[in-house]
C-alpha cells in the first residue's frame, strides 16, 4: 500500500469528524440550545432587576445618612431626644 492511500484515509477520517461536529453544533443550536439561552437571559434580567432595586435602596439609605451627618448638631440632638422620649 502506498503513502497516498494512508493520506486519503486520514483525510476522510478528519473530514468525517469535522462534519459530525458541525452537525452536532447545528442540532444543539436549533433544538434545545435556544431555550436554555432564553432561560439564562430571563434569569439574568431578573438578577439585574433585583440588583437595581438593592442599589436604589442603598442610595436612599445613603441620602438619610448624609442628612444625619450634615444636619446641625442641635437638631440632631433634638431628634435623638424626641426618639428617646417618644
Protein backbone atom coordinates (compact mmCIF):
# COMPACT_ATOMS: atom_id res chain seq x y z
CA UNK A 1 0.00 0.00 0.00
CA UNK A 2 1.26 3.36 -0.87
CA UNK A 3 1.59 6.51 1.15
CA UNK A 4 -1.21 8.26 -0.74
CA UNK A 5 -3.65 5.56 0.38
CA UNK A 6 -2.98 6.33 4.06
CA UNK A 7 -3.13 10.06 3.44
CA UNK A 8 -6.51 9.60 1.75
CA UNK A 9 -7.76 7.52 4.71
CA UNK A 10 -6.58 10.20 7.18
CA UNK A 11 -8.25 12.96 5.16
CA UNK A 12 -11.52 11.02 5.07
CA UNK A 13 -11.42 10.46 8.83
CA UNK A 14 -10.64 14.10 9.60
CA UNK A 15 -13.37 15.37 7.25
CA UNK A 16 -15.95 12.98 8.74
CA UNK A 17 -15.07 14.03 12.31
CA UNK A 18 -15.34 17.71 11.40
CA UNK A 19 -18.63 17.15 9.57
CA UNK A 20 -20.04 15.24 12.55
CA UNK A 21 -19.03 18.04 14.90
CA UNK A 22 -20.68 20.65 12.69
CA UNK A 23 -23.89 18.62 12.54
CA UNK A 24 -23.93 18.30 16.35
CA UNK A 25 -23.37 22.03 16.80
CA UNK A 26 -26.18 22.91 14.37
CA UNK A 27 -28.58 20.47 16.04
CA UNK A 28 -27.75 21.84 19.50
CA UNK A 29 -28.27 25.43 18.42
CA UNK A 30 -31.59 24.80 16.69
CA UNK A 31 -33.16 22.42 19.20
CA UNK A 32 -32.77 22.87 22.95
CA UNK A 33 -29.88 25.29 22.89
CA UNK A 34 -32.07 28.30 22.21
CA UNK A 35 -34.43 27.51 25.06
CA UNK A 36 -31.58 27.24 27.51
CA UNK A 37 -30.23 30.57 26.35
CA UNK A 38 -33.66 32.18 26.77
CA UNK A 39 -33.89 30.83 30.32
CA UNK A 40 -30.45 32.16 31.17
CA UNK A 41 -31.35 35.55 29.71
CA UNK A 42 -34.56 35.65 31.76
CA UNK A 43 -32.63 34.73 34.91
CA UNK A 44 -30.03 37.40 34.19
CA UNK A 45 -32.74 40.03 33.64
CA UNK A 46 -34.33 39.05 36.96
CA UNK A 47 -30.95 39.30 38.70
CA UNK A 48 -30.41 42.74 37.15
CA UNK A 49 -33.81 43.93 38.36
CA UNK A 50 -33.05 42.72 41.90
CA UNK A 51 -29.65 44.39 41.83
CA UNK A 52 -31.17 47.67 40.61
CA UNK A 53 -33.71 47.56 43.46
CA UNK A 54 -30.95 46.92 46.01
CA UNK A 55 -28.97 49.82 44.53
CA UNK A 56 -31.97 52.15 44.87
CA UNK A 57 -32.41 51.07 48.49
CA UNK A 58 -28.73 51.70 49.18
CA UNK A 59 -28.98 55.17 47.61
CA UNK A 60 -31.93 56.03 49.86
CA UNK A 61 -30.00 54.88 52.93
CA UNK A 62 -27.01 56.97 51.90
CA UNK A 63 -29.24 60.03 51.48
CA UNK A 64 -30.58 59.54 55.01
CA UNK A 65 -27.08 59.14 56.40
CA UNK A 66 -25.92 62.26 54.55
CA UNK A 67 -28.79 64.23 56.07
CA UNK A 68 -27.90 62.98 59.52
CA UNK A 69 -24.22 63.83 59.11
CA UNK A 70 -24.81 67.29 57.60
CA UNK A 71 -27.60 68.38 59.98
CA UNK A 72 -26.84 70.79 62.77
CA UNK A 73 -25.81 69.08 65.97
CA UNK A 74 -28.58 70.78 67.90
CA UNK A 75 -31.25 69.50 65.52
CA UNK A 76 -29.76 66.00 65.60
CA UNK A 77 -29.63 66.09 69.38
CA UNK A 78 -33.28 67.20 69.48
CA UNK A 79 -34.30 64.35 67.16
CA UNK A 80 -32.45 61.82 69.32
CA UNK A 81 -34.15 63.19 72.44
CA UNK A 82 -37.52 63.03 70.71
CA UNK A 83 -36.90 59.41 69.80
CA UNK A 84 -35.81 58.56 73.33
CA UNK A 85 -38.86 60.27 74.86
CA UNK A 86 -41.30 59.14 72.18
